[in-house]
Amino acid sequence: MTIQAHLVELERKHKTLEHELHEALVHLSTDDLQIVELKRRKLMVKDQIERLRHTGDTLH
């Protein structure tokens, strides 16, 4: 998988997690631990995107 393809996939995953987090926050019955986990996963994906972008910049 190319860096660009991997970036696209990570950005899609980040957007999906963002949507899941929004839905969880809208529903008051959502467990706080679930919200924390979604935020953690979203941040991890964001960090992966940033590292990959940095790696891609150094290759050019």
PDB file of N, CA and C in Angstrom:
ATOM      1  N   MET A   1       0.846  -1.175   0.000  1.00  0.00           N
ATOM      2  CA  MET A   1       0.000   0.000   0.000  1.00  0.00           C
ATOM      3  C   MET A   1       0.892   1.239   0.000  1.00  0.00           C
ATOM      4  N   THR A   2       0.580   2.175  -0.876  1.00  0.00           N
ATOM      5  CA  THR A   2       1.354   3.410  -0.932  1.00  0.00           C
ATOM      6  C   THR A   2       1.050   4.283   0.286  1.00  0.00           C
ATOM      7  N   ILE A   3       1.925   5.230   0.527  1.00  0.00           N
ATOM      8  CA  ILE A   3       1.708   6.151   1.642  1.00  0.00           C
ATOM      9  C   ILE A   3       0.401   6.921   1.436  1.00  0.00           C
ATOM     10  N   GLN A   4       0.159   7.360   0.202  1.00  0.00           N
ATOM     11  CA  GLN A   4      -1.048   8.132  -0.086  1.00  0.00           C
ATOM     12  C   GLN A   4      -2.299   7.293   0.167  1.00  0.00           C
ATOM     13  N   ALA A   5      -2.288   6.030  -0.253  1.00  0.00           N
ATOM     14  CA  ALA A   5      -3.436   5.153  -0.039  1.00  0.00           C
ATOM     15  C   ALA A   5      -3.644   4.912   1.450  1.00  0.00           C
ATOM     16  N   HIS A   6      -2.559   4.751   2.174  1.00  0.00           N
ATOM     17  CA  HIS A   6      -2.650   4.541   3.617  1.00  0.00           C
ATOM     18  C   HIS A   6      -3.224   5.791   4.300  1.00  0.00           C
ATOM     19  N   LEU A   7      -2.794   6.958   3.842  1.00  0.00           N
ATOM     20  CA  LEU A   7      -3.321   8.212   4.382  1.00  0.00           C
ATOM     21  C   LEU A   7      -4.821   8.323   4.140  1.00  0.00           C
ATOM     22  N   VAL A   8      -5.256   7.981   2.952  1.00  0.00           N
ATOM     23  CA  VAL A   8      -6.682   8.036   2.623  1.00  0.00           C
ATOM     24  C   VAL A   8      -7.464   7.108   3.543  1.00  0.00           C
ATOM     25  N   GLU A   9      -6.948   5.916   3.757  1.00  0.00           N
ATOM     26  CA  GLU A   9      -7.622   4.948   4.627  1.00  0.00           C
ATOM     27  C   GLU A   9      -7.673   5.449   6.070  1.00  0.00           C
ATOM     28  N   LEU A  10      -6.583   6.009   6.560  1.00  0.00           N
ATOM     29  CA  LEU A  10      -6.560   6.540   7.926  1.00  0.00           C
ATOM     30  C   LEU A  10      -7.505   7.725   8.078  1.00  0.00           C
ATOM     31  N   GLU A  11      -7.568   8.578   7.063  1.00  0.00           N
ATOM     32  CA  GLU A  11      -8.480   9.721   7.124  1.00  0.00           C
ATOM     33  C   GLU A  11      -9.934   9.255   7.120  1.00  0.00           C
ATOM     34  N   ARG A  12     -10.228   8.200   6.370  1.00  0.00           N
ATOM     35  CA  ARG A  12     -11.576   7.633   6.368  1.00  0.00           C
ATOM     36  C   ARG A  12     -11.912   7.072   7.749  1.00  0.00           C
ATOM     37  N   LYS A  13     -10.950   6.376   8.332  1.00  0.00           N
ATOM     38  CA  LYS A  13     -11.148   5.800   9.664  1.00  0.00           C
ATOM     39  C   LYS A  13     -11.355   6.909  10.704  1.00  0.00           C
ATOM     40  N   HIS A  14     -10.587   7.984  10.595  1.00  0.00           N
ATOM     41  CA  HIS A  14     -10.703   9.120  11.518  1.00  0.00           C
ATOM     42  C   HIS A  14     -12.095   9.737  11.414  1.00  0.00           C
ATOM     43  N   LYS A  15     -12.582   9.914  10.187  1.00  0.00           N
ATOM     44  CA  LYS A  15     -13.911  10.492   9.983  1.00  0.00           C
ATOM     45  C   LYS A  15     -14.993   9.568  10.554  1.00  0.00           C
ATOM     46  N   THR A  16     -14.835   8.269  10.386  1.00  0.00           N
ATOM     47  CA  THR A  16     -15.790   7.309  10.942  1.00  0.00           C
ATOM     48  C   THR A  16     -15.808   7.395  12.464  1.00  0.00           C
ATOM     49  N   LEU A  17     -14.642   7.464  13.078  1.00  0.00           N
ATOM     50  CA  LEU A  17     -14.562   7.584  14.531  1.00  0.00           C
ATOM     51  C   LEU A  17     -15.158   8.905  15.003  1.00  0.00           C
ATOM     52  N   GLU A  18     -14.939   9.958  14.237  1.00  0.00           N
ATOM     53  CA  GLU A  18     -15.519  11.258  14.577  1.00  0.00           C
ATOM     54  C   GLU A  18     -17.048  11.171  14.580  1.00  0.00           C
ATOM     55  N   HIS A  19     -17.594  10.486  13.590  1.00  0.00           N
ATOM     56  CA  HIS A  19     -19.045  10.305  13.512  1.00  0.00           C
ATOM     57  C   HIS A  19     -19.551   9.452  14.689  1.00  0.00           C
ATOM     58  N   GLU A  20     -18.850   8.362  14.977  1.00  0.00           N
ATOM     59  CA  GLU A  20     -19.236   7.503  16.104  1.00  0.00           C
ATOM     60  C   GLU A  20     -19.208   8.272  17.412  1.00  0.00           C
ATOM     61  N   LEU A  21     -18.180   9.100  17.591  1.00  0.00           N
ATOM     62  CA  LEU A  21     -18.055   9.896  18.805  1.00  0.00           C
ATOM     63  C   LEU A  21     -19.200  10.900  18.901  1.00  0.00           C
ATOM     64  N   HIS A  22     -19.517  11.538  17.809  1.00  0.00           N
ATOM     65  CA  HIS A  22     -20.633  12.488  17.797  1.00  0.00           C
ATOM     66  C   HIS A  22     -21.932  11.784  18.194  1.00  0.00           C
ATOM     67  N   GLU A  23     -22.182  10.625  17.607  1.00  0.00           N
ATOM     68  CA  GLU A  23     -23.392   9.865  17.922  1.00  0.00           C
ATOM     69  C   GLU A  23     -23.421   9.463  19.400  1.00  0.00           C
ATOM     70  N   ALA A  24     -22.273   9.064  19.923  1.00  0.00           N
ATOM     71  CA  ALA A  24     -22.197   8.653  21.323  1.00  0.00           C
ATOM     72  C   ALA A  24     -22.488   9.832  22.247  1.00  0.00           C
ATOM     73  N   LEU A  25     -22.000  11.010  21.877  1.00  0.00           N
ATOM     74  CA  LEU A  25     -22.221  12.186  22.705  1.00  0.00           C
ATOM     75  C   LEU A  25     -23.674  12.661  22.652  1.00  0.00           C
ATOM     76  N   VAL A  26     -24.334  12.437  21.535  1.00  0.00           N
ATOM     77  CA  VAL A  26     -25.734  12.841  21.389  1.00  0.00           C
ATOM     78  C   VAL A  26     -26.646  11.962  22.242  1.00  0.00           C
ATOM     79  N   HIS A  27     -26.318  10.688  22.334  1.00  0.00           N
ATOM     80  CA  HIS A  27     -27.144   9.757  23.108  1.00  0.00           C
ATOM     81  C   HIS A  27     -26.671   9.749  24.564  1.00  0.00           C
ATOM     82  N   LEU A  28     -27.509  10.228  25.424  1.00  0.00           N
ATOM     83  CA  LEU A  28     -27.142  10.369  26.840  1.00  0.00           C
ATOM     84  C   LEU A  28     -26.881   9.033  27.516  1.00  0.00           C
ATOM     85  N   SER A  29     -27.387   7.960  26.933  1.00  0.00           N
ATOM     86  CA  SER A  29     -27.222   6.648  27.554  1.00  0.00           C
ATOM     87  C   SER A  29     -25.839   6.033  27.301  1.00  0.00           C
ATOM     88  N   THR A  30     -25.026   6.691  26.482  1.00  0.00           N
ATOM     89  CA  THR A  30     -23.702   6.162  26.161  1.00  0.00           C
ATOM     90  C   THR A  30     -22.806   6.183  27.395  1.00  0.00           C
ATOM     91  N   ASP A  31     -22.135   5.091  27.619  1.00  0.00           N
ATOM     92  CA  ASP A  31     -21.206   4.941  28.735  1.00  0.00           C
ATOM     93  C   ASP A  31     -20.010   5.887  28.564  1.00  0.00           C
ATOM     94  N   ASP A  32     -19.609   6.528  29.641  1.00  0.00           N
ATOM     95  CA  ASP A  32     -18.458   7.442  29.597  1.00  0.00           C
ATOM     96  C   ASP A  32     -17.187   6.727  29.140  1.00  0.00           C
ATOM     97  N   LEU A  33     -17.023   5.478  29.534  1.00  0.00           N
ATOM     98  CA  LEU A  33     -15.832   4.722  29.123  1.00  0.00           C
ATOM     99  C   LEU A  33     -15.810   4.514  27.617  1.00  0.00           C
ATOM    100  N   GLN A  34     -16.971   4.328  27.022  1.00  0.00           N
ATOM    101  CA  GLN A  34     -17.047   4.167  25.571  1.00  0.00           C
ATOM    102  C   GLN A  34     -16.629   5.463  24.880  1.00  0.00           C
ATOM    103  N   ILE A  35     -17.068   6.583  25.416  1.00  0.00           N
ATOM    104  CA  ILE A  35     -16.695   7.877  24.853  1.00  0.00           C
ATOM    105  C   ILE A  35     -15.189   8.090  24.967  1.00  0.00           C
ATOM    106  N   VAL A  36     -14.627   7.775  26.102  1.00  0.00           N
ATOM    107  CA  VAL A  36     -13.177   7.910  26.305  1.00  0.00           C
ATOM    108  C   VAL A  36     -12.425   7.024  25.314  1.00  0.00           C
ATOM    109  N   GLU A  37     -12.903   5.810  25.110  1.00  0.00           N
ATOM    110  CA  GLU A  37     -12.255   4.885  24.174  1.00  0.00           C
ATOM    111  C   GLU A  37     -12.326   5.420  22.741  1.00  0.00           C
ATOM    112  N   LEU A  38     -13.463   5.951  22.342  1.00  0.00           N
ATOM    113  CA  LEU A  38     -13.591   6.525  20.995  1.00  0.00           C
ATOM    114  C   LEU A  38     -12.635   7.705  20.817  1.00  0.00           C
ATOM    115  N   LYS A  39     -12.542   8.557  21.827  1.00  0.00           N
ATOM    116  CA  LYS A  39     -11.627   9.696  21.762  1.00  0.00           C
ATOM    117  C   LYS A  39     -10.173   9.223  21.662  1.00  0.00           C
ATOM    118  N   ARG A  40      -9.843   8.187  22.426  1.00  0.00           N
ATOM    119  CA  ARG A  40      -8.480   7.644  22.400  1.00  0.00           C
ATOM    120  C   ARG A  40      -8.150   7.088  21.023  1.00  0.00           C
ATOM    121  N   ARG A  41      -9.070   6.311  20.461  1.00  0.00           N
ATOM    122  CA  ARG A  41      -8.848   5.717  19.142  1.00  0.00           C
ATOM    123  C   ARG A  41      -8.732   6.796  18.068  1.00  0.00           C
ATOM    124  N   LYS A  42      -9.577   7.819  18.163  1.00  0.00           N
ATOM    125  CA  LYS A  42      -9.541   8.912  17.199  1.00  0.00           C
ATOM    126  C   LYS A  42      -8.200   9.642  17.266  1.00  0.00           C
ATOM    127  N   LEU A  43      -7.713   9.899  18.471  1.00  0.00           N
ATOM    128  CA  LEU A  43      -6.423  10.551  18.645  1.00  0.00           C
ATOM    129  C   LEU A  43      -5.280   9.692  18.105  1.00  0.00           C
ATOM    130  N   MET A  44      -5.357   8.396  18.334  1.00  0.00           N
ATOM    131  CA  MET A  44      -4.315   7.499  17.811  1.00  0.00           C
ATOM    132  C   MET A  44      -4.264   7.550  16.283  1.00  0.00           C
ATOM    133  N   VAL A  45      -5.429   7.543  15.658  1.00  0.00           N
ATOM    134  CA  VAL A  45      -5.481   7.609  14.194  1.00  0.00           C
ATOM    135  C   VAL A  45      -4.934   8.957  13.715  1.00  0.00           C
ATOM    136  N   LYS A  46      -5.298  10.024  14.411  1.00  0.00           N
ATOM    137  CA  LYS A  46      -4.791  11.348  14.043  1.00  0.00           C
ATOM    138  C   LYS A  46      -3.266  11.378  14.138  1.00  0.00           C
ATOM    139  N   ASP A  47      -2.716  10.797  15.189  1.00  0.00           N
ATOM    140  CA  ASP A  47      -1.263  10.732  15.353  1.00  0.00           C
ATOM    141  C   ASP A  47      -0.621   9.931  14.221  1.00  0.00           C
ATOM    142  N   GLN A  48      -1.257   8.828  13.826  1.00  0.00           N
ATOM    143  CA  GLN A  48      -0.738   8.023  12.718  1.00  0.00           C
ATOM    144  C   GLN A  48      -0.731   8.831  11.421  1.00  0.00           C
ATOM    145  N   ILE A  49      -1.797   9.595  11.194  1.00  0.00           N
ATOM    146  CA  ILE A  49      -1.886  10.431  10.000  1.00  0.00           C
ATOM    147  C   ILE A  49      -0.746  11.443   9.991  1.00  0.00           C
ATOM    148  N   GLU A  50      -0.541  12.107  11.116  1.00  0.00           N
ATOM    149  CA  GLU A  50       0.513  13.121  11.193  1.00  0.00           C
ATOM    150  C   GLU A  50       1.900  12.516  10.975  1.00  0.00           C
ATOM    151  N   ARG A  51       2.155  11.350  11.584  1.00  0.00           N
ATOM    152  CA  ARG A  51       3.454  10.693  11.395  1.00  0.00           C
ATOM    153  C   ARG A  51       3.655  10.309   9.934  1.00  0.00           C
ATOM    154  N   LEU A  52       2.610   9.782   9.314  1.00  0.00           N
ATOM    155  CA  LEU A  52       2.699   9.357   7.924  1.00  0.00           C
ATOM    156  C   LEU A  52       2.911  10.561   7.006  1.00  0.00           C
ATOM    157  N   ARG A  53       2.222  11.652   7.281  1.00  0.00           N
ATOM    158  CA  ARG A  53       2.423  12.870   6.484  1.00  0.00           C
ATOM    159  C   ARG A  53       3.849  13.363   6.628  1.00  0.00           C
ATOM    160  N   HIS A  54       4.361  13.311   7.837  1.00  0.00           N
ATOM    161  CA  HIS A  54       5.748  13.748   8.083  1.00  0.00           C
ATOM    162  C   HIS A  54       6.723  12.843   7.338  1.00  0.00           C
ATOM    163  N   THR A  55       6.468  11.547   7.378  1.00  0.00           N
ATOM    164  CA  THR A  55       7.316  10.587   6.663  1.00  0.00           C
ATOM    165  C   THR A  55       7.265  10.848   5.165  1.00  0.00           C
ATOM    166  N   GLY A  56       6.055  11.104   4.653  1.00  0.00           N
ATOM    167  CA  GLY A  56       5.889  11.381   3.237  1.00  0.00           C
ATOM    168  C   GLY A  56       6.616  12.643   2.821  1.00  0.00           C
ATOM    169  N   ASP A  57       6.607  13.658   3.685  1.00  0.00           N
ATOM    170  CA  ASP A  57       7.303  14.913   3.380  1.00  0.00           C
ATOM    171  C   ASP A  57       8.807  14.714   3.313  1.00  0.00           C
ATOM    172  N   THR A  58       9.349  13.864   4.157  1.00  0.00           N
ATOM    173  CA  THR A  58      10.786  13.659   4.168  1.00  0.00           C
ATOM    174  C   THR A  58      11.252  12.817   2.983  1.00  0.00           C
ATOM    175  N   LEU A  59      10.322  12.076   2.369  1.00  0.00           N
ATOM    176  CA  LEU A  59      10.674  11.259   1.205  1.00  0.00           C
ATOM    177  C   LEU A  59      10.722  12.080  -0.072  1.00  0.00           C
ATOM    178  N   HIS A  60      10.081  13.242  -0.066  1.00  0.00           N
ATOM    179  CA  HIS A  60      10.034  14.069  -1.297  1.00  0.00           C
ATOM    180  C   HIS A  60      11.137  15.058  -1.345  1.00  0.00           C
TER     181      HIS A  60
END
